[in-house]
PDB file of all heavy atoms in Angstrom:
ATOM      1  N   GLY A   1       0.798  -1.195   0.046  1.00  0.00           N
ATOM      2  CA  GLY A   1       0.040  -0.012  -0.001  1.00  0.00           C
ATOM      3  C   GLY A   1       0.870   1.270   0.019  1.00  0.00           C
ATOM      4  O   GLY A   1       2.107   1.194   0.203  1.00  0.00           O
ATOM      5  N   GLY A   2       0.179   2.375  -0.234  1.00  0.00           N
ATOM      6  CA  GLY A   2       0.890   3.653  -0.208  1.00  0.00           C
ATOM      7  C   GLY A   2       0.056   4.754  -0.804  1.00  0.00           C
ATOM      8  O   GLY A   2      -1.174   4.594  -0.992  1.00  0.00           O
ATOM      9  N   LEU A   3       0.674   5.860  -1.125  1.00  0.00           N
ATOM     10  CA  LEU A   3       0.004   7.019  -1.690  1.00  0.00           C
ATOM     11  C   LEU A   3       0.266   7.054  -3.205  1.00  0.00           C
ATOM     12  O   LEU A   3       1.476   6.952  -3.612  1.00  0.00           O
ATOM     13  CB  LEU A   3       0.574   8.287  -1.019  1.00  0.00           C
ATOM     14  CG  LEU A   3       0.061   9.603  -1.588  1.00  0.00           C
ATOM     15  CD1 LEU A   3      -1.477   9.727  -1.391  1.00  0.00           C
ATOM     16  CD2 LEU A   3       0.793  10.754  -0.917  1.00  0.00           C
ATOM     17  N   VAL A   4      -0.740   7.211  -3.981  1.00  0.00           N
ATOM     18  CA  VAL A   4      -0.636   7.199  -5.423  1.00  0.00           C
ATOM     19  C   VAL A   4      -1.629   8.204  -5.964  1.00  0.00           C
ATOM     20  O   VAL A   4      -2.729   8.454  -5.397  1.00  0.00           O
ATOM     21  CB  VAL A   4      -0.828   5.830  -6.036  1.00  0.00           C
ATOM     22  CG1 VAL A   4      -2.201   5.343  -5.800  1.00  0.00           C
ATOM     23  CG2 VAL A   4      -0.484   5.779  -7.532  1.00  0.00           C
ATOM     24  N   GLN A   5      -1.238   8.901  -7.069  1.00  0.00           N
ATOM     25  CA  GLN A   5      -2.190   9.855  -7.687  1.00  0.00           C
ATOM     26  C   GLN A   5      -3.232   9.100  -8.532  1.00  0.00           C
ATOM     27  O   GLN A   5      -3.057   7.943  -8.989  1.00  0.00           O
ATOM     28  CB  GLN A   5      -1.443  10.806  -8.538  1.00  0.00           C
ATOM     29  CG  GLN A   5      -0.691  10.258  -9.739  1.00  0.00           C
ATOM     30  CD  GLN A   5       0.093  11.273 -10.487  1.00  0.00           C
ATOM     31  OE1 GLN A   5      -0.492  12.340 -10.873  1.00  0.00           O
ATOM     32  NE2 GLN A   5       1.330  11.099 -10.675  1.00  0.00           N
ATOM     33  N   ALA A   6      -4.375   9.747  -8.735  1.00  0.00           N
ATOM     34  CA  ALA A   6      -5.403   9.134  -9.541  1.00  0.00           C
ATOM     35  C   ALA A   6      -4.854   8.709 -10.990  1.00  0.00           C
ATOM     36  O   ALA A   6      -4.086   9.425 -11.520  1.00  0.00           O
ATOM     37  CB  ALA A   6      -6.601  10.103  -9.719  1.00  0.00           C
ATOM     38  N   GLY A   7      -5.295   7.516 -11.341  1.00  0.00           N
ATOM     39  CA  GLY A   7      -4.797   6.939 -12.579  1.00  0.00           C
ATOM     40  C   GLY A   7      -3.606   6.050 -12.482  1.00  0.00           C
ATOM     41  O   GLY A   7      -3.244   5.361 -13.461  1.00  0.00           O
ATOM     42  N   GLY A   8      -2.962   6.096 -11.307  1.00  0.00           N
ATOM     43  CA  GLY A   8      -1.791   5.302 -11.070  1.00  0.00           C
ATOM     44  C   GLY A   8      -2.162   3.851 -10.692  1.00  0.00           C
ATOM     45  O   GLY A   8      -3.298   3.464 -10.682  1.00  0.00           O
ATOM     46  N   SER A   9      -1.077   3.113 -10.364  1.00  0.00           N
ATOM     47  CA  SER A   9      -1.229   1.724 -10.090  1.00  0.00           C
ATOM     48  C   SER A   9      -0.439   1.298  -8.813  1.00  0.00           C
ATOM     49  O   SER A   9       0.576   1.962  -8.450  1.00  0.00           O
ATOM     50  CB  SER A   9      -0.584   0.915 -11.197  1.00  0.00           C
ATOM     51  OG  SER A   9      -1.360   1.066 -12.421  1.00  0.00           O
ATOM     52  N   LEU A  10      -0.925   0.279  -8.133  1.00  0.00           N
ATOM     53  CA  LEU A  10      -0.276  -0.312  -6.998  1.00  0.00           C
ATOM     54  C   LEU A  10      -0.492  -1.791  -7.087  1.00  0.00           C
ATOM     55  O   LEU A  10      -1.497  -2.249  -7.630  1.00  0.00           O
ATOM     56  CB  LEU A  10      -0.817   0.191  -5.695  1.00  0.00           C
ATOM     57  CG  LEU A  10      -0.432   1.555  -5.176  1.00  0.00           C
ATOM     58  CD1 LEU A  10      -1.216   1.960  -3.925  1.00  0.00           C
ATOM     59  CD2 LEU A  10       1.046   1.660  -4.932  1.00  0.00           C
ATOM     60  N   ARG A  11       0.404  -2.567  -6.511  1.00  0.00           N
ATOM     61  CA  ARG A  11       0.293  -3.987  -6.392  1.00  0.00           C
ATOM     62  C   ARG A  11       0.437  -4.395  -4.983  1.00  0.00           C
ATOM     63  O   ARG A  11       1.452  -4.192  -4.357  1.00  0.00           O
ATOM     64  CB  ARG A  11       1.372  -4.760  -7.239  1.00  0.00           C
ATOM     65  CG  ARG A  11       1.000  -6.208  -7.402  1.00  0.00           C
ATOM     66  CD  ARG A  11       2.147  -6.981  -8.088  1.00  0.00           C
ATOM     67  NE  ARG A  11       1.639  -8.216  -8.656  1.00  0.00           N
ATOM     68  CZ  ARG A  11       2.420  -9.146  -9.160  1.00  0.00           C
ATOM     69  NH1 ARG A  11       3.750  -9.032  -9.222  1.00  0.00           N
ATOM     70  NH2 ARG A  11       1.844 -10.270  -9.749  1.00  0.00           N
ATOM     71  N   LEU A  12      -0.692  -4.958  -4.438  1.00  0.00           N
ATOM     72  CA  LEU A  12      -0.648  -5.403  -3.019  1.00  0.00           C
ATOM     73  C   LEU A  12      -0.298  -6.900  -2.979  1.00  0.00           C
ATOM     74  O   LEU A  12      -0.651  -7.640  -3.907  1.00  0.00           O
ATOM     75  CB  LEU A  12      -2.059  -5.232  -2.387  1.00  0.00           C
ATOM     76  CG  LEU A  12      -2.661  -3.817  -2.449  1.00  0.00           C
ATOM     77  CD1 LEU A  12      -3.976  -3.817  -1.692  1.00  0.00           C
ATOM     78  CD2 LEU A  12      -1.707  -2.793  -1.907  1.00  0.00           C
ATOM     79  N   SER A  13       0.374  -7.275  -1.904  1.00  0.00           N
ATOM     80  CA  SER A  13       0.755  -8.618  -1.705  1.00  0.00           C
ATOM     81  C   SER A  13       0.285  -9.124  -0.313  1.00  0.00           C
ATOM     82  O   SER A  13       0.155  -8.312   0.602  1.00  0.00           O
ATOM     83  CB  SER A  13       2.261  -8.810  -1.756  1.00  0.00           C
ATOM     84  OG  SER A  13       2.805  -8.463  -3.071  1.00  0.00           O
ATOM     85  N   CYS A  14      -0.074 -10.388  -0.228  1.00  0.00           N
ATOM     86  CA  CYS A  14      -0.468 -10.987   0.995  1.00  0.00           C
ATOM     87  C   CYS A  14       0.262 -12.295   1.114  1.00  0.00           C
ATOM     88  O   CYS A  14       0.064 -13.125   0.270  1.00  0.00           O
ATOM     89  CB  CYS A  14      -1.965 -11.189   1.055  1.00  0.00           C
ATOM     90  SG  CYS A  14      -2.571 -12.028   2.470  1.00  0.00           S
ATOM     91  N   VAL A  15       1.090 -12.413   2.135  1.00  0.00           N
ATOM     92  CA  VAL A  15       1.845 -13.629   2.316  1.00  0.00           C
ATOM     93  C   VAL A  15       1.282 -14.364   3.558  1.00  0.00           C
ATOM     94  O   VAL A  15       1.086 -13.763   4.624  1.00  0.00           O
ATOM     95  CB  VAL A  15       3.363 -13.352   2.601  1.00  0.00           C
ATOM     96  CG1 VAL A  15       4.150 -14.603   2.805  1.00  0.00           C
ATOM     97  CG2 VAL A  15       3.902 -12.539   1.390  1.00  0.00           C
ATOM     98  N   ALA A  16       1.069 -15.655   3.413  1.00  0.00           N
ATOM     99  CA  ALA A  16       0.486 -16.510   4.433  1.00  0.00           C
ATOM    100  C   ALA A  16       1.504 -17.351   5.100  1.00  0.00           C
ATOM    101  O   ALA A  16       2.472 -17.845   4.382  1.00  0.00           O
ATOM    102  CB  ALA A  16      -0.633 -17.342   3.882  1.00  0.00           C
ATOM    103  N   SER A  17       1.374 -17.596   6.373  1.00  0.00           N
ATOM    104  CA  SER A  17       2.227 -18.583   7.111  1.00  0.00           C
ATOM    105  C   SER A  17       1.358 -19.406   8.026  1.00  0.00           C
ATOM    106  O   SER A  17       0.242 -19.034   8.317  1.00  0.00           O
ATOM    107  CB  SER A  17       3.291 -17.876   7.857  1.00  0.00           C
ATOM    108  OG  SER A  17       2.779 -17.012   8.833  1.00  0.00           O
ATOM    109  N   GLY A  18       1.858 -20.519   8.393  1.00  0.00           N
ATOM    110  CA  GLY A  18       1.154 -21.387   9.338  1.00  0.00           C
ATOM    111  C   GLY A  18       0.436 -22.545   8.648  1.00  0.00           C
ATOM    112  O   GLY A  18       0.388 -23.635   9.166  1.00  0.00           O
ATOM    113  N   ARG A  19      -0.137 -22.288   7.531  1.00  0.00           N
ATOM    114  CA  ARG A  19      -0.788 -23.280   6.647  1.00  0.00           C
ATOM    115  C   ARG A  19      -0.439 -22.951   5.210  1.00  0.00           C
ATOM    116  O   ARG A  19      -0.214 -21.783   4.860  1.00  0.00           O
ATOM    117  CB  ARG A  19      -2.342 -23.302   6.825  1.00  0.00           C
ATOM    118  CG  ARG A  19      -2.784 -23.640   8.263  1.00  0.00           C
ATOM    119  CD  ARG A  19      -2.713 -25.090   8.497  1.00  0.00           C
ATOM    120  NE  ARG A  19      -3.284 -25.416   9.812  1.00  0.00           N
ATOM    121  CZ  ARG A  19      -4.541 -25.753  10.004  1.00  0.00           C
ATOM    122  NH1 ARG A  19      -5.411 -25.753   8.941  1.00  0.00           N
ATOM    123  NH2 ARG A  19      -4.991 -25.988  11.152  1.00  0.00           N
ATOM    124  N   THR A  20      -0.439 -23.957   4.296  1.00  0.00           N
ATOM    125  CA  THR A  20      -0.193 -23.678   2.918  1.00  0.00           C
ATOM    126  C   THR A  20      -1.447 -22.972   2.351  1.00  0.00           C
ATOM    127  O   THR A  20      -2.578 -23.335   2.588  1.00  0.00           O
ATOM    128  CB  THR A  20       0.042 -25.032   2.198  1.00  0.00           C
ATOM    129  OG1 THR A  20       0.197 -24.729   0.786  1.00  0.00           O
ATOM    130  CG2 THR A  20      -1.074 -26.005   2.362  1.00  0.00           C
ATOM    131  N   LEU A  21      -1.073 -21.935   1.511  1.00  0.00           N
ATOM    132  CA  LEU A  21      -2.162 -21.175   0.976  1.00  0.00           C
ATOM    133  C   LEU A  21      -3.053 -21.987  -0.043  1.00  0.00           C
ATOM    134  O   LEU A  21      -4.212 -21.642  -0.320  1.00  0.00           O
ATOM    135  CB  LEU A  21      -1.579 -20.025   0.151  1.00  0.00           C
ATOM    136  CG  LEU A  21      -2.506 -18.856  -0.340  1.00  0.00           C
ATOM    137  CD1 LEU A  21      -3.170 -18.203   0.864  1.00  0.00           C
ATOM    138  CD2 LEU A  21      -1.679 -17.872  -1.121  1.00  0.00           C
ATOM    139  N   SER A  22      -2.509 -23.099  -0.558  1.00  0.00           N
ATOM    140  CA  SER A  22      -3.280 -23.931  -1.501  1.00  0.00           C
ATOM    141  C   SER A  22      -4.567 -24.467  -0.850  1.00  0.00           C
ATOM    142  O   SER A  22      -5.436 -24.942  -1.689  1.00  0.00           O
ATOM    143  CB  SER A  22      -2.425 -24.985  -2.044  1.00  0.00           C
ATOM    144  OG  SER A  22      -2.022 -25.929  -1.051  1.00  0.00           O
ATOM    145  N   ASN A  23      -4.736 -24.551   0.386  1.00  0.00           N
ATOM    146  CA  ASN A  23      -5.896 -25.045   1.075  1.00  0.00           C
ATOM    147  C   ASN A  23      -7.018 -24.033   1.233  1.00  0.00           C
ATOM    148  O   ASN A  23      -8.051 -24.349   1.797  1.00  0.00           O
ATOM    149  CB  ASN A  23      -5.514 -25.615   2.451  1.00  0.00           C
ATOM    150  CG  ASN A  23      -4.612 -26.876   2.307  1.00  0.00           C
ATOM    151  OD1 ASN A  23      -4.815 -27.693   1.443  1.00  0.00           O
ATOM    152  ND2 ASN A  23      -3.713 -26.922   3.250  1.00  0.00           N
ATOM    153  N   TYR A  24      -6.833 -22.816   0.773  1.00  0.00           N
ATOM    154  CA  TYR A  24      -7.704 -21.710   1.057  1.00  0.00           C
ATOM    155  C   TYR A  24      -8.076 -20.928  -0.241  1.00  0.00           C
ATOM    156  O   TYR A  24      -7.242 -20.653  -1.090  1.00  0.00           O
ATOM    157  CB  TYR A  24      -7.118 -20.730   2.055  1.00  0.00           C
ATOM    158  CG  TYR A  24      -6.824 -21.348   3.348  1.00  0.00           C
ATOM    159  CD1 TYR A  24      -5.640 -21.987   3.648  1.00  0.00           C
ATOM    160  CD2 TYR A  24      -7.779 -21.230   4.417  1.00  0.00           C
ATOM    161  CE1 TYR A  24      -5.402 -22.529   4.839  1.00  0.00           C
ATOM    162  CE2 TYR A  24      -7.546 -21.842   5.637  1.00  0.00           C
ATOM    163  CZ  TYR A  24      -6.364 -22.435   5.832  1.00  0.00           C
ATOM    164  OH  TYR A  24      -6.058 -23.054   7.095  1.00  0.00           O
ATOM    165  N   ALA A  25      -9.381 -20.631  -0.316  1.00  0.00           N
ATOM    166  CA  ALA A  25      -9.731 -19.509  -1.165  1.00  0.00           C
ATOM    167  C   ALA A  25      -9.339 -18.227  -0.555  1.00  0.00           C
ATOM    168  O   ALA A  25      -9.276 -18.121   0.695  1.00  0.00           O
ATOM    169  CB  ALA A  25     -11.251 -19.532  -1.463  1.00  0.00           C
ATOM    170  N   MET A  26      -9.018 -17.217  -1.320  1.00  0.00           N
ATOM    171  CA  MET A  26      -8.509 -15.945  -0.763  1.00  0.00           C
ATOM    172  C   MET A  26      -9.358 -14.822  -1.271  1.00  0.00           C
ATOM    173  O   MET A  26      -9.800 -14.777  -2.443  1.00  0.00           O
ATOM    174  CB  MET A  26      -7.066 -15.705  -1.221  1.00  0.00           C
ATOM    175  CG  MET A  26      -6.131 -16.826  -0.741  1.00  0.00           C
ATOM    176  SD  MET A  26      -5.971 -16.839   1.112  1.00  0.00           S
ATOM    177  CE  MET A  26      -5.264 -15.199   1.366  1.00  0.00           C
ATOM    178  N   GLY A  27      -9.563 -13.847  -0.472  1.00  0.00           N
ATOM    179  CA  GLY A  27     -10.281 -12.645  -0.809  1.00  0.00           C
ATOM    180  C   GLY A  27      -9.537 -11.353  -0.411  1.00  0.00           C
ATOM    181  O   GLY A  27      -8.692 -11.339   0.483  1.00  0.00           O
ATOM    182  N   TRP A  28      -9.901 -10.259  -1.093  1.00  0.00           N
ATOM    183  CA  TRP A  28      -9.502  -8.966  -0.747  1.00  0.00           C
ATOM    184  C   TRP A  28     -10.721  -8.159  -0.399  1.00  0.00           C
ATOM    185  O   TRP A  28     -11.714  -8.156  -1.123  1.00  0.00           O
ATOM    186  CB  TRP A  28      -8.693  -8.232  -1.790  1.00  0.00           C
ATOM    187  CG  TRP A  28      -7.287  -8.734  -1.994  1.00  0.00           C
ATOM    188  CD1 TRP A  28      -6.868  -9.652  -2.896  1.00  0.00           C
ATOM    189  CD2 TRP A  28      -6.144  -8.295  -1.284  1.00  0.00           C
ATOM    190  NE1 TRP A  28      -5.542  -9.856  -2.785  1.00  0.00           N
ATOM    191  CE2 TRP A  28      -5.077  -8.987  -1.795  1.00  0.00           C
ATOM    192  CE3 TRP A  28      -5.916  -7.361  -0.293  1.00  0.00           C
ATOM    193  CZ2 TRP A  28      -3.721  -8.849  -1.387  1.00  0.00           C
ATOM    194  CZ3 TRP A  28      -4.637  -7.200   0.189  1.00  0.00           C
ATOM    195  CH2 TRP A  28      -3.571  -7.920  -0.307  1.00  0.00           C
ATOM    196  N   PHE A  29     -10.648  -7.421   0.755  1.00  0.00           N
ATOM    197  CA  PHE A  29     -11.665  -6.527   1.187  1.00  0.00           C
ATOM    198  C   PHE A  29     -11.039  -5.141   1.421  1.00  0.00           C
ATOM    199  O   PHE A  29      -9.829  -5.065   1.608  1.00  0.00           O
ATOM    200  CB  PHE A  29     -12.404  -6.997   2.480  1.00  0.00           C
ATOM    201  CG  PHE A  29     -13.230  -8.290   2.203  1.00  0.00           C
ATOM    202  CD1 PHE A  29     -12.623  -9.489   2.100  1.00  0.00           C
ATOM    203  CD2 PHE A  29     -14.606  -8.143   2.109  1.00  0.00           C
ATOM    204  CE1 PHE A  29     -13.358 -10.628   1.934  1.00  0.00           C
ATOM    205  CE2 PHE A  29     -15.353  -9.351   1.917  1.00  0.00           C
ATOM    206  CZ  PHE A  29     -14.717 -10.592   1.798  1.00  0.00           C
ATOM    207  N   ARG A  30     -11.925  -4.172   1.473  1.00  0.00           N
ATOM    208  CA  ARG A  30     -11.399  -2.790   1.872  1.00  0.00           C
ATOM    209  C   ARG A  30     -12.421  -2.147   2.817  1.00  0.00           C
ATOM    210  O   ARG A  30     -13.582  -2.380   2.771  1.00  0.00           O
ATOM    211  CB  ARG A  30     -11.137  -1.914   0.634  1.00  0.00           C
ATOM    212  CG  ARG A  30     -12.309  -1.621  -0.265  1.00  0.00           C
ATOM    213  CD  ARG A  30     -11.891  -0.952  -1.527  1.00  0.00           C
ATOM    214  NE  ARG A  30     -13.048  -0.580  -2.362  1.00  0.00           N
ATOM    215  CZ  ARG A  30     -12.916  -0.123  -3.554  1.00  0.00           C
ATOM    216  NH1 ARG A  30     -11.692   0.042  -4.153  1.00  0.00           N
ATOM    217  NH2 ARG A  30     -14.025   0.238  -4.257  1.00  0.00           N
ATOM    218  N   HIS A  31     -11.856  -1.200   3.537  1.00  0.00           N
ATOM    219  CA  HIS A  31     -12.672  -0.500   4.560  1.00  0.00           C
ATOM    220  C   HIS A  31     -12.251   0.982   4.480  1.00  0.00           C
ATOM    221  O   HIS A  31     -11.111   1.311   4.857  1.00  0.00           O
ATOM    222  CB  HIS A  31     -12.446  -1.055   5.977  1.00  0.00           C
ATOM    223  CG  HIS A  31     -13.432  -0.522   6.942  1.00  0.00           C
ATOM    224  ND1 HIS A  31     -13.272  -0.743   8.295  1.00  0.00           N
ATOM    225  CD2 HIS A  31     -14.566   0.218   6.797  1.00  0.00           C
ATOM    226  CE1 HIS A  31     -14.267  -0.175   8.956  1.00  0.00           C
ATOM    227  NE2 HIS A  31     -15.083   0.440   8.101  1.00  0.00           N
ATOM    228  N   ALA A  32     -13.148   1.796   4.008  1.00  0.00           N
ATOM    229  CA  ALA A  32     -12.886   3.226   3.885  1.00  0.00           C
ATOM    230  C   ALA A  32     -13.642   4.012   4.989  1.00  0.00           C
ATOM    231  O   ALA A  32     -14.661   3.470   5.464  1.00  0.00           O
ATOM    232  CB  ALA A  32     -13.352   3.741   2.574  1.00  0.00           C
ATOM    233  N   PRO A  33     -13.131   5.157   5.440  1.00  0.00           N
ATOM    234  CA  PRO A  33     -13.816   5.918   6.453  1.00  0.00           C
ATOM    235  C   PRO A  33     -15.286   6.198   6.049  1.00  0.00           C
ATOM    236  O   PRO A  33     -15.573   6.586   4.899  1.00  0.00           O
ATOM    237  CB  PRO A  33     -13.022   7.200   6.505  1.00  0.00           C
ATOM    238  CG  PRO A  33     -11.650   6.810   6.077  1.00  0.00           C
ATOM    239  CD  PRO A  33     -11.855   5.798   4.991  1.00  0.00           C
ATOM    240  N   GLY A  34     -16.165   5.990   6.957  1.00  0.00           N
ATOM    241  CA  GLY A  34     -17.574   6.281   6.703  1.00  0.00           C
ATOM    242  C   GLY A  34     -18.310   5.179   5.929  1.00  0.00           C
ATOM    243  O   GLY A  34     -19.562   5.372   5.600  1.00  0.00           O
ATOM    244  N   LYS A  35     -17.624   4.118   5.566  1.00  0.00           N
ATOM    245  CA  LYS A  35     -18.226   3.047   4.808  1.00  0.00           C
ATOM    246  C   LYS A  35     -18.027   1.716   5.535  1.00  0.00           C
ATOM    247  O   LYS A  35     -17.117   1.582   6.369  1.00  0.00           O
ATOM    248  CB  LYS A  35     -17.641   2.929   3.442  1.00  0.00           C
ATOM    249  CG  LYS A  35     -17.809   4.175   2.526  1.00  0.00           C
ATOM    250  CD  LYS A  35     -17.148   3.977   1.165  1.00  0.00           C
ATOM    251  CE  LYS A  35     -17.355   5.146   0.311  1.00  0.00           C
ATOM    252  NZ  LYS A  35     -16.695   4.929  -1.023  1.00  0.00           N
TER     253      LYS A  35
END
């Protein structure tokens, strides 16, 4: 994550430990102020 101007791009990563990721479906959610 970070600060980017409109029209720009970012790539988020999520690394799992404790269990192999292959056993799970994965999702991304977001939480904005007031929502």
